Each structure stands twice: as C-alpha cells, then as structure tokens.
Amino acid sequence: MAVPDGISGQQRRVLELRAEFLKKSLNPYRHATMEGGHVFDPAFYRFQAMRSTQWDNFKATPKNFKFGFLAVVLPVGLFYYLIKNERDTKEEKFRTGQVAYKDRSFKFI
C-alpha cells in the first residue's frame, strides 16, 4: 500500500503500521511457520498486563475518594432522597384526603 504525499508524519506512520499489520495478518502462507493468523503486538500485551494488575498498584488518596464519592455515592443518595420525599408527600396527601381516589394515578384496579 503506497503512502500518499501531503500527509503529516503521524498519519504516515499510522498508514505504514496498518499496511504492515494487514500484510502479516492476511498472509496465506503463515500457517507453514505455525503462527496462524495471529500477529503479536507487544503494546497490546503491555496494556492488558497493566489492566489486569492495576488494582495491585492502586493507592487510595483524598482525590480518589472525592471522585468516587461525587461520582457514585452522592448521585445515588440524592436520587434516593428526591424519590423518597416525593413519595412521602404523595402518601401524606392521599392519607389526609387532599387527593380524591378518582384522581390518583395508581389505584390498583
């Protein structure tokens, strides 16, 4: 695959690597070398090794705690509070007779 002129160095490198990968993976004679259609990519295996051991190297910091609290705990707690408050308000109106039975949205008919 010819690399066209007028492209940046990074784009040229990407096209060259893509052409090399396609050449290696689509070679019909690779089975003779007992390699099959698999192309060894060291960067991919480094990435997978990093992902499988990331919790071994994790260190809890105040910044991590703050992110976890703001991204997970706070939205769930806030959502729970809003739903609970709305249901309690509706229940109080139903029990005191401020809303007629025919006007209720869920009557269990």
PDB file of N, CA and C in Angstrom:
ATOM      1  N   MET A   1       0.860  -1.177   0.000  1.00  0.00           N
ATOM      2  CA  MET A   1       0.000   0.000   0.000  1.00  0.00           C
ATOM      3  C   MET A   1       0.896   1.227   0.000  1.00  0.00           C
ATOM      4  N   ALA A   2       0.736   2.056  -0.998  1.00  0.00           N
ATOM      5  CA  ALA A   2       1.542   3.256  -1.118  1.00  0.00           C
ATOM      6  C   ALA A   2       1.014   4.338  -0.197  1.00  0.00           C
ATOM      7  N   VAL A   3       1.937   5.047   0.428  1.00  0.00           N
ATOM      8  CA  VAL A   3       1.563   6.124   1.327  1.00  0.00           C
ATOM      9  C   VAL A   3       1.475   7.406   0.511  1.00  0.00           C
ATOM     10  N   PRO A   4       0.317   8.077   0.502  1.00  0.00           N
ATOM     11  CA  PRO A   4       0.167   9.293  -0.299  1.00  0.00           C
ATOM     12  C   PRO A   4       1.007  10.447   0.244  1.00  0.00           C
ATOM     13  N   ASP A   5       1.364  11.348  -0.653  1.00  0.00           N
ATOM     14  CA  ASP A   5       2.118  12.535  -0.243  1.00  0.00           C
ATOM     15  C   ASP A   5       1.171  13.571   0.351  1.00  0.00           C
ATOM     16  N   GLY A   6       1.732  14.517   1.103  1.00  0.00           N
ATOM     17  CA  GLY A   6       0.936  15.611   1.642  1.00  0.00           C
ATOM     18  C   GLY A   6       0.231  15.272   2.952  1.00  0.00           C
ATOM     19  N   ILE A   7       0.721  14.277   3.675  1.00  0.00           N
ATOM     20  CA  ILE A   7       0.126  13.964   4.976  1.00  0.00           C
ATOM     21  C   ILE A   7       1.185  14.121   6.049  1.00  0.00           C
ATOM     22  N   SER A   8       0.735  14.272   7.286  1.00  0.00           N
ATOM     23  CA  SER A   8       1.675  14.507   8.377  1.00  0.00           C
ATOM     24  C   SER A   8       2.438  13.229   8.711  1.00  0.00           C
ATOM     25  N   GLY A   9       3.473  13.402   9.528  1.00  0.00           N
ATOM     26  CA  GLY A   9       4.313  12.268   9.905  1.00  0.00           C
ATOM     27  C   GLY A   9       3.558  11.227  10.700  1.00  0.00           C
ATOM     28  N   GLN A  10       2.671  11.659  11.604  1.00  0.00           N
ATOM     29  CA  GLN A  10       1.914  10.712  12.412  1.00  0.00           C
ATOM     30  C   GLN A  10       0.946   9.922  11.537  1.00  0.00           C
ATOM     31  N   GLN A  11       0.275  10.593  10.615  1.00  0.00           N
ATOM     32  CA  GLN A  11      -0.642   9.893   9.713  1.00  0.00           C
ATOM     33  C   GLN A  11       0.118   8.914   8.827  1.00  0.00           C
ATOM     34  N   ARG A  12       1.306   9.306   8.396  1.00  0.00           N
ATOM     35  CA  ARG A  12       2.136   8.432   7.570  1.00  0.00           C
ATOM     36  C   ARG A  12       2.507   7.179   8.370  1.00  0.00           C
ATOM     37  N   ARG A  13       2.886   7.361   9.632  1.00  0.00           N
ATOM     38  CA  ARG A  13       3.270   6.226  10.481  1.00  0.00           C
ATOM     39  C   ARG A  13       2.083   5.291  10.713  1.00  0.00           C
ATOM     40  N   VAL A  14       0.897   5.869  10.924  1.00  0.00           N
ATOM     41  CA  VAL A  14      -0.300   5.052  11.115  1.00  0.00           C
ATOM     42  C   VAL A  14      -0.586   4.223   9.870  1.00  0.00           C
ATOM     43  N   LEU A  15      -0.486   4.825   8.704  1.00  0.00           N
ATOM     44  CA  LEU A  15      -0.731   4.087   7.469  1.00  0.00           C
ATOM     45  C   LEU A  15       0.303   2.992   7.250  1.00  0.00           C
ATOM     46  N   GLU A  16       1.572   3.282   7.585  1.00  0.00           N
ATOM     47  CA  GLU A  16       2.614   2.267   7.437  1.00  0.00           C
ATOM     48  C   GLU A  16       2.369   1.093   8.384  1.00  0.00           C
ATOM     49  N   LEU A  17       2.009   1.381   9.635  1.00  0.00           N
ATOM     50  CA  LEU A  17       1.733   0.316  10.598  1.00  0.00           C
ATOM     51  C   LEU A  17       0.501  -0.493  10.192  1.00  0.00           C
ATOM     52  N   ARG A  18      -0.493   0.184   9.662  1.00  0.00           N
ATOM     53  CA  ARG A  18      -1.692  -0.522   9.209  1.00  0.00           C
ATOM     54  C   ARG A  18      -1.361  -1.453   8.058  1.00  0.00           C
ATOM     55  N   ALA A  19      -0.561  -0.959   7.117  1.00  0.00           N
ATOM     56  CA  ALA A  19      -0.175  -1.797   5.980  1.00  0.00           C
ATOM     57  C   ALA A  19       0.633  -3.005   6.446  1.00  0.00           C
ATOM     58  N   GLU A  20       1.528  -2.798   7.413  1.00  0.00           N
ATOM     59  CA  GLU A  20       2.323  -3.912   7.939  1.00  0.00           C
ATOM     60  C   GLU A  20       1.433  -4.931   8.642  1.00  0.00           C
ATOM     61  N   PHE A  21       0.483  -4.462   9.439  1.00  0.00           N
ATOM     62  CA  PHE A  21      -0.424  -5.366  10.141  1.00  0.00           C
ATOM     63  C   PHE A  21      -1.252  -6.189   9.161  1.00  0.00           C
ATOM     64  N   LEU A  22      -1.811  -5.530   8.139  1.00  0.00           N
ATOM     65  CA  LEU A  22      -2.604  -6.248   7.151  1.00  0.00           C
ATOM     66  C   LEU A  22      -1.761  -7.263   6.387  1.00  0.00           C
ATOM     67  N   LYS A  23      -0.523  -6.903   6.085  1.00  0.00           N
ATOM     68  CA  LYS A  23       0.370  -7.818   5.372  1.00  0.00           C
ATOM     69  C   LYS A  23       0.637  -9.060   6.208  1.00  0.00           C
ATOM     70  N   LYS A  24       0.863  -8.869   7.516  1.00  0.00           N
ATOM     71  CA  LYS A  24       1.157 -10.008   8.381  1.00  0.00           C
ATOM     72  C   LYS A  24      -0.080 -10.852   8.658  1.00  0.00           C
ATOM     73  N   SER A  25      -1.211 -10.210   8.900  1.00  0.00           N
ATOM     74  CA  SER A  25      -2.398 -10.969   9.296  1.00  0.00           C
ATOM     75  C   SER A  25      -3.087 -11.652   8.129  1.00  0.00           C
ATOM     76  N   LEU A  26      -2.922 -11.142   6.928  1.00  0.00           N
ATOM     77  CA  LEU A  26      -3.605 -11.718   5.772  1.00  0.00           C
ATOM     78  C   LEU A  26      -2.700 -12.585   4.904  1.00  0.00           C
ATOM     79  N   ASN A  27      -1.507 -12.876   5.364  1.00  0.00           N
ATOM     80  CA  ASN A  27      -0.576 -13.711   4.607  1.00  0.00           C
ATOM     81  C   ASN A  27      -1.082 -15.155   4.642  1.00  0.00           C
ATOM     82  N   PRO A  28      -1.428 -15.732   3.481  1.00  0.00           N
ATOM     83  CA  PRO A  28      -1.983 -17.094   3.481  1.00  0.00           C
ATOM     84  C   PRO A  28      -0.934 -18.170   3.771  1.00  0.00           C
ATOM     85  N   TYR A  29       0.344 -17.852   3.774  1.00  0.00           N
ATOM     86  CA  TYR A  29       1.392 -18.853   3.985  1.00  0.00           C
ATOM     87  C   TYR A  29       1.927 -18.854   5.408  1.00  0.00           C
ATOM     88  N   ARG A  30       1.290 -18.112   6.305  1.00  0.00           N
ATOM     89  CA  ARG A  30       1.769 -18.071   7.690  1.00  0.00           C
ATOM     90  C   ARG A  30       1.560 -19.392   8.413  1.00  0.00           C
ATOM     91  N   HIS A  31       0.599 -20.181   7.959  1.00  0.00           N
ATOM     92  CA  HIS A  31       0.352 -21.453   8.628  1.00  0.00           C
ATOM     93  C   HIS A  31       1.554 -22.388   8.518  1.00  0.00           C
ATOM     94  N   ALA A  32       2.392 -22.201   7.530  1.00  0.00           N
ATOM     95  CA  ALA A  32       3.581 -23.045   7.374  1.00  0.00           C
ATOM     96  C   ALA A  32       4.587 -22.790   8.482  1.00  0.00           C
ATOM     97  N   THR A  33       4.591 -21.601   9.038  1.00  0.00           N
ATOM     98  CA  THR A  33       5.508 -21.271  10.135  1.00  0.00           C
ATOM     99  C   THR A  33       4.883 -21.527  11.493  1.00  0.00           C
ATOM    100  N   MET A  34       3.669 -22.123  11.503  1.00  0.00           N
ATOM    101  CA  MET A  34       2.925 -22.452  12.723  1.00  0.00           C
ATOM    102  C   MET A  34       2.549 -21.200  13.532  1.00  0.00           C
ATOM    103  N   GLU A  35       2.377 -20.092  12.866  1.00  0.00           N
ATOM    104  CA  GLU A  35       1.991 -18.858  13.555  1.00  0.00           C
ATOM    105  C   GLU A  35       0.508 -18.556  13.401  1.00  0.00           C
ATOM    106  N   GLY A  36      -0.146 -19.147  12.422  1.00  0.00           N
ATOM    107  CA  GLY A  36      -1.561 -18.872  12.210  1.00  0.00           C
ATOM    108  C   GLY A  36      -1.777 -17.438  11.756  1.00  0.00           C
ATOM    109  N   GLY A  37      -2.941 -16.900  12.012  1.00  0.00           N
ATOM    110  CA  GLY A  37      -3.251 -15.542  11.601  1.00  0.00           C
ATOM    111  C   GLY A  37      -3.036 -14.523  12.700  1.00  0.00           C
ATOM    112  N   HIS A  38      -2.404 -14.953  13.804  1.00  0.00           N
ATOM    113  CA  HIS A  38      -2.221 -14.086  14.957  1.00  0.00           C
ATOM    114  C   HIS A  38      -0.964 -13.238  14.785  1.00  0.00           C
ATOM    115  N   VAL A  39      -1.091 -11.936  15.023  1.00  0.00           N
ATOM    116  CA  VAL A  39       0.047 -11.023  14.965  1.00  0.00           C
ATOM    117  C   VAL A  39       0.354 -10.591  16.386  1.00  0.00           C
ATOM    118  N   PHE A  40       1.573 -10.847  16.847  1.00  0.00           N
ATOM    119  CA  PHE A  40       1.971 -10.471  18.206  1.00  0.00           C
ATOM    120  C   PHE A  40       2.163  -8.960  18.269  1.00  0.00           C
ATOM    121  N   ASP A  41       1.453  -8.333  19.185  1.00  0.00           N
ATOM    122  CA  ASP A  41       1.548  -6.885  19.370  1.00  0.00           C
ATOM    123  C   ASP A  41       1.992  -6.625  20.806  1.00  0.00           C
ATOM    124  N   PRO A  42       3.246  -6.257  21.033  1.00  0.00           N
ATOM    125  CA  PRO A  42       3.722  -6.071  22.401  1.00  0.00           C
ATOM    126  C   PRO A  42       3.000  -4.949  23.145  1.00  0.00           C
ATOM    127  N   ALA A  43       2.590  -3.902  22.447  1.00  0.00           N
ATOM    128  CA  ALA A  43       1.885  -2.807  23.111  1.00  0.00           C
ATOM    129  C   ALA A  43       0.537  -3.287  23.655  1.00  0.00           C
ATOM    130  N   PHE A  44      -0.148  -4.132  22.906  1.00  0.00           N
ATOM    131  CA  PHE A  44      -1.432  -4.660  23.355  1.00  0.00           C
ATOM    132  C   PHE A  44      -1.245  -5.522  24.601  1.00  0.00           C
ATOM    133  N   TYR A  45      -0.211  -6.350  24.616  1.00  0.00           N
ATOM    134  CA  TYR A  45       0.013  -7.208  25.777  1.00  0.00           C
ATOM    135  C   TYR A  45       0.466  -6.409  26.996  1.00  0.00           C
ATOM    136  N   ARG A  46       1.214  -5.347  26.810  1.00  0.00           N
ATOM    137  CA  ARG A  46       1.558  -4.457  27.932  1.00  0.00           C
ATOM    138  C   ARG A  46       0.304  -3.808  28.493  1.00  0.00           C
ATOM    139  N   PHE A  47      -0.572  -3.373  27.599  1.00  0.00           N
ATOM    140  CA  PHE A  47      -1.817  -2.751  28.034  1.00  0.00           C
ATOM    141  C   PHE A  47      -2.673  -3.739  28.818  1.00  0.00           C
ATOM    142  N   GLN A  48      -2.795  -4.974  28.332  1.00  0.00           N
ATOM    143  CA  GLN A  48      -3.591  -5.980  29.037  1.00  0.00           C
ATOM    144  C   GLN A  48      -2.968  -6.329  30.380  1.00  0.00           C
ATOM    145  N   ALA A  49      -1.649  -6.399  30.453  1.00  0.00           N
ATOM    146  CA  ALA A  49      -0.982  -6.678  31.727  1.00  0.00           C
ATOM    147  C   ALA A  49      -1.228  -5.535  32.714  1.00  0.00           C
ATOM    148  N   MET A  50      -1.194  -4.309  32.230  1.00  0.00           N
ATOM    149  CA  MET A  50      -1.458  -3.159  33.085  1.00  0.00           C
ATOM    150  C   MET A  50      -2.890  -3.207  33.617  1.00  0.00           C
ATOM    151  N   ARG A  51      -3.839  -3.557  32.753  1.00  0.00           N
ATOM    152  CA  ARG A  51      -5.234  -3.597  33.185  1.00  0.00           C
ATOM    153  C   ARG A  51      -5.494  -4.713  34.186  1.00  0.00           C
ATOM    154  N   SER A  52      -4.814  -5.837  34.035  1.00  0.00           N
ATOM    155  CA  SER A  52      -5.069  -6.947  34.946  1.00  0.00           C
ATOM    156  C   SER A  52      -4.415  -6.750  36.306  1.00  0.00           C
ATOM    157  N   THR A  53      -3.430  -5.862  36.395  1.00  0.00           N
ATOM    158  CA  THR A  53      -2.741  -5.641  37.672  1.00  0.00           C
ATOM    159  C   THR A  53      -2.917  -4.227  38.200  1.00  0.00           C
ATOM    160  N   GLN A  54      -3.885  -3.493  37.678  1.00  0.00           N
ATOM    161  CA  GLN A  54      -3.998  -2.094  38.093  1.00  0.00           C
ATOM    162  C   GLN A  54      -4.406  -1.962  39.554  1.00  0.00           C
ATOM    163  N   TRP A  55      -5.187  -2.916  40.086  1.00  0.00           N
ATOM    164  CA  TRP A  55      -5.589  -2.810  41.487  1.00  0.00           C
ATOM    165  C   TRP A  55      -4.449  -3.171  42.429  1.00  0.00           C
ATOM    166  N   ASP A  56      -3.441  -3.899  41.949  1.00  0.00           N
ATOM    167  CA  ASP A  56      -2.275  -4.184  42.776  1.00  0.00           C
ATOM    168  C   ASP A  56      -1.471  -2.913  43.053  1.00  0.00           C
ATOM    169  N   ASN A  57      -1.547  -1.965  42.142  1.00  0.00           N
ATOM    170  CA  ASN A  57      -0.763  -0.731  42.257  1.00  0.00           C
ATOM    171  C   ASN A  57      -1.610   0.476  42.663  1.00  0.00           C
ATOM    172  N   PHE A  58      -2.863   0.250  42.987  1.00  0.00           N
ATOM    173  CA  PHE A  58      -3.747   1.360  43.346  1.00  0.00           C
ATOM    174  C   PHE A  58      -3.437   1.853  44.755  1.00  0.00           C
ATOM    175  N   LYS A  59      -3.414   3.165  44.902  1.00  0.00           N
ATOM    176  CA  LYS A  59      -3.192   3.776  46.204  1.00  0.00           C
ATOM    177  C   LYS A  59      -4.326   4.769  46.454  1.00  0.00           C
ATOM    178  N   ALA A  60      -5.033   4.556  47.561  1.00  0.00           N
ATOM    179  CA  ALA A  60      -6.152   5.442  47.881  1.00  0.00           C
ATOM    180  C   ALA A  60      -5.634   6.805  48.316  1.00  0.00           C
ATOM    181  N   THR A  61      -6.186   7.849  47.733  1.00  0.00           N
ATOM    182  CA  THR A  61      -5.813   9.214  48.071  1.00  0.00           C
ATOM    183  C   THR A  61      -7.098  10.008  48.301  1.00  0.00           C
ATOM    184  N   PRO A  62      -7.000  11.173  48.914  1.00  0.00           N
ATOM    185  CA  PRO A  62      -8.198  12.004  49.078  1.00  0.00           C
ATOM    186  C   PRO A  62      -8.861  12.369  47.752  1.00  0.00           C
ATOM    187  N   LYS A  63      -8.057  12.553  46.726  1.00  0.00           N
ATOM    188  CA  LYS A  63      -8.611  12.879  45.413  1.00  0.00           C
ATOM    189  C   LYS A  63      -9.441  11.705  44.869  1.00  0.00           C
ATOM    190  N   ASN A  64      -8.938  10.472  45.020  1.00  0.00           N
ATOM    191  CA  ASN A  64      -9.691   9.295  44.590  1.00  0.00           C
ATOM    192  C   ASN A  64     -10.993   9.172  45.370  1.00  0.00           C
ATOM    193  N   PHE A  65     -10.913   9.390  46.667  1.00  0.00           N
ATOM    194  CA  PHE A  65     -12.110   9.295  47.499  1.00  0.00           C
ATOM    195  C   PHE A  65     -13.145  10.338  47.082  1.00  0.00           C
ATOM    196  N   LYS A  66     -12.683  11.553  46.847  1.00  0.00           N
ATOM    197  CA  LYS A  66     -13.588  12.632  46.452  1.00  0.00           C
ATOM    198  C   LYS A  66     -14.271  12.301  45.126  1.00  0.00           C
ATOM    199  N   PHE A  67     -13.502  11.803  44.179  1.00  0.00           N
ATOM    200  CA  PHE A  67     -14.079  11.449  42.877  1.00  0.00           C
ATOM    201  C   PHE A  67     -15.111  10.334  43.036  1.00  0.00           C
ATOM    202  N   GLY A  68     -14.771   9.293  43.788  1.00  0.00           N
ATOM    203  CA  GLY A  68     -15.709   8.191  43.996  1.00  0.00           C
ATOM    204  C   GLY A  68     -16.975   8.636  44.698  1.00  0.00           C
ATOM    205  N   PHE A  69     -16.820   9.503  45.697  1.00  0.00           N
ATOM    206  CA  PHE A  69     -17.978   9.990  46.421  1.00  0.00           C
ATOM    207  C   PHE A  69     -18.871  10.842  45.526  1.00  0.00           C
ATOM    208  N   LEU A  70     -18.266  11.770  44.771  1.00  0.00           N
ATOM    209  CA  LEU A  70     -19.047  12.672  43.926  1.00  0.00           C
ATOM    210  C   LEU A  70     -19.638  11.970  42.709  1.00  0.00           C
ATOM    211  N   ALA A  71     -18.988  10.928  42.223  1.00  0.00           N
ATOM    212  CA  ALA A  71     -19.455  10.262  41.009  1.00  0.00           C
ATOM    213  C   ALA A  71     -20.410   9.111  41.296  1.00  0.00           C
ATOM    214  N   VAL A  72     -20.343   8.506  42.488  1.00  0.00           N
ATOM    215  CA  VAL A  72     -21.156   7.318  42.758  1.00  0.00           C
ATOM    216  C   VAL A  72     -22.105   7.543  43.934  1.00  0.00           C
ATOM    217  N   VAL A  73     -21.569   7.844  45.091  1.00  0.00           N
ATOM    218  CA  VAL A  73     -22.367   7.873  46.313  1.00  0.00           C
ATOM    219  C   VAL A  73     -23.340   9.051  46.323  1.00  0.00           C
ATOM    220  N   LEU A  74     -22.861  10.231  46.025  1.00  0.00           N
ATOM    221  CA  LEU A  74     -23.711  11.424  46.081  1.00  0.00           C
ATOM    222  C   LEU A  74     -24.900  11.358  45.112  1.00  0.00           C
ATOM    223  N   PRO A  75     -24.719  11.011  43.827  1.00  0.00           N
ATOM    224  CA  PRO A  75     -25.901  10.936  42.942  1.00  0.00           C
ATOM    225  C   PRO A  75     -26.933   9.902  43.390  1.00  0.00           C
ATOM    226  N   VAL A  76     -26.470   8.747  43.878  1.00  0.00           N
ATOM    227  CA  VAL A  76     -27.412   7.722  44.338  1.00  0.00           C
ATOM    228  C   VAL A  76     -28.168   8.223  45.565  1.00  0.00           C
ATOM    229  N   GLY A  77     -27.455   8.815  46.507  1.00  0.00           N
ATOM    230  CA  GLY A  77     -28.101   9.347  47.709  1.00  0.00           C
ATOM    231  C   GLY A  77     -29.074  10.463  47.389  1.00  0.00           C
ATOM    232  N   LEU A  78     -28.688  11.348  46.499  1.00  0.00           N
ATOM    233  CA  LEU A  78     -29.562  12.452  46.105  1.00  0.00           C
ATOM    234  C   LEU A  78     -30.818  11.928  45.409  1.00  0.00           C
ATOM    235  N   PHE A  79     -30.655  10.977  44.521  1.00  0.00           N
ATOM    236  CA  PHE A  79     -31.793  10.389  43.825  1.00  0.00           C
ATOM    237  C   PHE A  79     -32.726   9.704  44.818  1.00  0.00           C
ATOM    238  N   TYR A  80     -32.174   8.972  45.774  1.00  0.00           N
ATOM    239  CA  TYR A  80     -32.983   8.310  46.802  1.00  0.00           C
ATOM    240  C   TYR A  80     -33.776   9.347  47.598  1.00  0.00           C
ATOM    241  N   TYR A  81     -33.113  10.418  48.004  1.00  0.00           N
ATOM    242  CA  TYR A  81     -33.780  11.459  48.797  1.00  0.00           C
ATOM    243  C   TYR A  81     -34.933  12.093  48.017  1.00  0.00           C
ATOM    244  N   LEU A  82     -34.709  12.408  46.743  1.00  0.00           N
ATOM    245  CA  LEU A  82     -35.756  13.041  45.946  1.00  0.00           C
ATOM    246  C   LEU A  82     -36.954  12.118  45.749  1.00  0.00           C
ATOM    247  N   ILE A  83     -36.711  10.864  45.432  1.00  0.00           N
ATOM    248  CA  ILE A  83     -37.809   9.912  45.241  1.00  0.00           C
ATOM    249  C   ILE A  83     -38.567   9.695  46.540  1.00  0.00           C
ATOM    250  N   LYS A  84     -37.827   9.505  47.639  1.00  0.00           N
ATOM    251  CA  LYS A  84     -38.461   9.265  48.941  1.00  0.00           C
ATOM    252  C   LYS A  84     -39.308  10.462  49.363  1.00  0.00           C
ATOM    253  N   ASN A  85     -38.776  11.666  49.174  1.00  0.00           N
ATOM    254  CA  ASN A  85     -39.502  12.880  49.538  1.00  0.00           C
ATOM    255  C   ASN A  85     -40.791  13.007  48.722  1.00  0.00           C
ATOM    256  N   GLU A  86     -40.712  12.739  47.426  1.00  0.00           N
ATOM    257  CA  GLU A  86     -41.893  12.842  46.569  1.00  0.00           C
ATOM    258  C   GLU A  86     -42.946  11.806  46.972  1.00  0.00           C
ATOM    259  N   ARG A  87     -42.526  10.582  47.228  1.00  0.00           N
ATOM    260  CA  ARG A  87     -43.487   9.537  47.626  1.00  0.00           C
ATOM    261  C   ARG A  87     -44.124   9.845  48.974  1.00  0.00           C
ATOM    262  N   ASP A  88     -43.326  10.339  49.924  1.00  0.00           N
ATOM    263  CA  ASP A  88     -43.886  10.677  51.232  1.00  0.00           C
ATOM    264  C   ASP A  88     -44.909  11.810  51.117  1.00  0.00           C
ATOM    265  N   THR A  89     -44.627  12.787  50.265  1.00  0.00           N
ATOM    266  CA  THR A  89     -45.558  13.897  50.067  1.00  0.00           C
ATOM    267  C   THR A  89     -46.872  13.395  49.468  1.00  0.00           C
ATOM    268  N   LYS A  90     -46.763  12.535  48.437  1.00  0.00           N
ATOM    269  CA  LYS A  90     -47.979  11.982  47.832  1.00  0.00           C
ATOM    270  C   LYS A  90     -48.760  11.140  48.841  1.00  0.00           C
ATOM    271  N   GLU A  91     -48.052  10.310  49.611  1.00  0.00           N
ATOM    272  CA  GLU A  91     -48.714   9.458  50.598  1.00  0.00           C
ATOM    273  C   GLU A  91     -49.448  10.294  51.640  1.00  0.00           C
ATOM    274  N   GLU A  92     -48.840  11.383  52.067  1.00  0.00           N
ATOM    275  CA  GLU A  92     -49.483  12.256  53.056  1.00  0.00           C
ATOM    276  C   GLU A  92     -50.752  12.881  52.484  1.00  0.00           C
ATOM    277  N   LYS A  93     -50.697  13.296  51.205  1.00  0.00           N
ATOM    278  CA  LYS A  93     -51.892  13.869  50.573  1.00  0.00           C
ATOM    279  C   LYS A  93     -52.986  12.819  50.422  1.00  0.00           C
ATOM    280  N   PHE A  94     -52.611  11.583  50.089  1.00  0.00           N
ATOM    281  CA  PHE A  94     -53.606  10.520  49.959  1.00  0.00           C
ATOM    282  C   PHE A  94     -54.247  10.206  51.298  1.00  0.00           C
ATOM    283  N   ARG A  95     -53.448  10.114  52.347  1.00  0.00           N
ATOM    284  CA  ARG A  95     -53.965   9.721  53.665  1.00  0.00           C
ATOM    285  C   ARG A  95     -54.836  10.812  54.299  1.00  0.00           C
ATOM    286  N   THR A  96     -54.535  12.082  54.003  1.00  0.00           N
ATOM    287  CA  THR A  96     -55.335  13.156  54.597  1.00  0.00           C
ATOM    288  C   THR A  96     -56.558  13.499  53.757  1.00  0.00           C
ATOM    289  N   GLY A  97     -56.699  12.873  52.591  1.00  0.00           N
ATOM    290  CA  GLY A  97     -57.883  13.105  51.765  1.00  0.00           C
ATOM    291  C   GLY A  97     -57.793  14.319  50.874  1.00  0.00           C
ATOM    292  N   GLN A  98     -56.630  14.878  50.673  1.00  0.00           N
ATOM    293  CA  GLN A  98     -56.475  16.048  49.804  1.00  0.00           C
ATOM    294  C   GLN A  98     -56.591  15.675  48.333  1.00  0.00           C
ATOM    295  N   VAL A  99     -56.348  14.385  48.020  1.00  0.00           N
ATOM    296  CA  VAL A  99     -56.472  13.906  46.640  1.00  0.00           C
ATOM    297  C   VAL A  99     -57.576  12.861  46.624  1.00  0.00           C
ATOM    298  N   ALA A 100     -58.565  13.072  45.758  1.00  0.00           N
ATOM    299  CA  ALA A 100     -59.674  12.128  45.649  1.00  0.00           C
ATOM    300  C   ALA A 100     -59.184  10.823  45.035  1.00  0.00           C
ATOM    301  N   TYR A 101     -59.882   9.741  45.363  1.00  0.00           N
ATOM    302  CA  TYR A 101     -59.476   8.431  44.872  1.00  0.00           C
ATOM    303  C   TYR A 101     -59.497   8.365  43.348  1.00  0.00           C
ATOM    304  N   LYS A 102     -60.456   9.043  42.734  1.00  0.00           N
ATOM    305  CA  LYS A 102     -60.577   9.004  41.270  1.00  0.00           C
ATOM    306  C   LYS A 102     -59.435   9.778  40.597  1.00  0.00           C
ATOM    307  N   ASP A 103     -58.780  10.692  41.319  1.00  0.00           N
ATOM    308  CA  ASP A 103     -57.698  11.484  40.735  1.00  0.00           C
ATOM    309  C   ASP A 103     -56.320  10.846  40.913  1.00  0.00           C
ATOM    310  N   ARG A 104     -56.233   9.764  41.631  1.00  0.00           N
ATOM    311  CA  ARG A 104     -54.939   9.113  41.848  1.00  0.00           C
ATOM    312  C   ARG A 104     -54.483   8.429  40.564  1.00  0.00           C
ATOM    313  N   SER A 105     -53.179   8.430  40.356  1.00  0.00           N
ATOM    314  CA  SER A 105     -52.660   7.819  39.125  1.00  0.00           C
ATOM    315  C   SER A 105     -52.575   6.311  39.225  1.00  0.00           C
ATOM    316  N   PHE A 106     -52.292   5.753  40.421  1.00  0.00           N
ATOM    317  CA  PHE A 106     -52.229   4.307  40.614  1.00  0.00           C
ATOM    318  C   PHE A 106     -53.286   3.902  41.629  1.00  0.00           C
ATOM    319  N   LYS A 107     -54.331   3.218  41.146  1.00  0.00           N
ATOM    320  CA  LYS A 107     -55.441   2.853  42.018  1.00  0.00           C
ATOM    321  C   LYS A 107     -55.477   1.360  42.309  1.00  0.00           C
ATOM    322  N   PHE A 108     -54.621   0.584  41.681  1.00  0.00           N
ATOM    323  CA  PHE A 108     -54.586  -0.874  41.849  1.00  0.00           C
ATOM    324  C   PHE A 108     -55.921  -1.501  41.493  1.00  0.00           C
ATOM    325  N   ILE A 109     -56.444  -1.140  40.330  1.00  0.00           N
ATOM    326  CA  ILE A 109     -57.723  -1.689  39.873  1.00  0.00           C
ATOM    327  C   ILE A 109     -57.465  -3.001  39.156  1.00  0.00           C
TER     328      ILE A 109
END
